[in-house]
Amino acid sequence: MRQLGVVVLLGLLMHLAHGQTLEELSAMANNDPSIATKGLSAGGVASVGAASQTRQKDESAINGQSELKQTDLASLPHVDDCSLCFKCHVDENQPKKVISMADLVPENFQPAKVHEKQKKPSCDECRGCTHQLDLLVRSGKKHIFGRNFVAEGGASSNWLFVSQSNRTRSGRAIGKYAKLYLAIELLSEECGFMDLVPKVWIGLWMEEALGISLENVVRLGEPMMHPNQLLDIFHDTMNKTQAAIFDLMTSQCDRHAQNIFIDEDSGVMLINIECAFYEDQWCALDSILLPTTLKHTINVMENAWVIKFKNWGNKTPQCWANAALLFDYRCYVKDAKLGTDYPPEIKQCLVKIAAMEVDEVHSHYGFPSMHTADALLSRSKAMIEHGFEYALTMGYPRNPNPWRYKFPPPCCKIKHTDTYRCAHEWNPDTHLPLGNPVGGMPWTKDYPDPGSYEGGSVF
């Protein structure tokens, strides 16, 4: 079997950095003619190995097409004869290949003969590719909310690629690999999260998120959005409760403002969702959508105070209303408590998972390890048996104590004066838990710990 290609497999990108390019992309899906017969070739990823030399002679040719005549194409070298290829023309006549999950193994993500591939010439232009890939951050702009934003992929933009696809609403797909994505895809289908997270197939491709990140909506845009318009959007048009449920249920640990996308029509979409299910067996939750976590706390009070910088001195920490606080689920549920009042499809899903054994969860969702399966099982049980707030604060998996903060009061209405401020009475407790917030470890610094209580002992 010829070597498979891959869009992005982070653990193997060093091959690209040293000129070791990939042969072909895996066939995506049997019923998608625009993908199932195609894959990534060496030319599709050449820009990663030589980003500073990226050719942008024809930005519209993201799919590798050009106006070259067939006779001209025949005169170009084949991608197999190049070590790198900066612009590759798609071959529409390649035979259909069906790839199984068993084929997605490390040895299939590099040329069969790496050293021979390295000795071949670098090509400015070639033919024979199955997809033309571009770095996502160089793939153009989006026009949203009446403004232009540079295309982005969240905090990991520089490692993402984009190609054309008829499987997505935007007509473009993102390349990124993580086995957990397959578990999340099935979970999303069964629990009603399909509109919230990008669609994934074969663990390699995912839907390009519509919209732009929360971070960029607030800080960027040409022209920048007026704060009052921004607040109108956040106050009135976004449904945030389902996003908080997803982050708790899947034990998300990297939900910051770059990993939340908002769109004029589609609402909220969550990206970079692979830091989940207690995979590192240390971080159980960290999301700006979930009170009592580090990222949420940083949105409430000054970052330097929360991270416990040495030069803080005797200052009183200030609390101003970061616009992201309008994504606090408590603003949209009765009495600021969700309990077990989940949407019907999510509740049914939680009941189903809670009744399973851990080996069933592992097998059904295809988790990469037993402890990631157990994280979903334990969280689901706590959420359905004891309610959302219990699962958030006392359920398992559980953060180390330095990462277990008190509930701040919700700020559900924000105004803009000299900065964003809560528009109603709002007095968060600025006391911090003992321990090092960087890593969630015990305090070992050479200055006194500003913390004053054992994290998790009071909420």
Foldseek 3Di string as FASTA:
>chain_A
DFFAAFFFDPVPCVCLLLLFFFAFHAQFDPPFLLGQQATFHQAQCNCSNVVVPADPPDLVCQFLDDPDDPVVQVPFAASQQASYERGEHADSPGDGDDDDLVSPDDCSHTHPDRVVSSPGHHYPYHYHHRGHKDQQQPNAWDQAPNWIDGGAAFPPSRRKIKTAGPPEPVRIKIFDADQVVLLVQVLCVQQVCPLAEWHDTSRTITYRDPAAFQVCLQPHTVVHDDPVVVQCCLQPPADQQVVLVVCLLFQFDDADRRQWGQGPPSHIYGHPRRRTLCVVVARRHAHCQAFQFLRVVCQFWPPCVLQVPPPPPPDDIDGFHDSSLLSHNLLPDPPSFCFQVDPPSNLVSLVVLLPDDLVCQCVVSVDPDSSSSVSNNFLSCCCNVTRDVCSRQPTPPDHQFQGGGAGFDRQNHWDADVHIHRPDDGDGDSAGAAARPVRSHHDDDPDDTSHDHGGSPHD
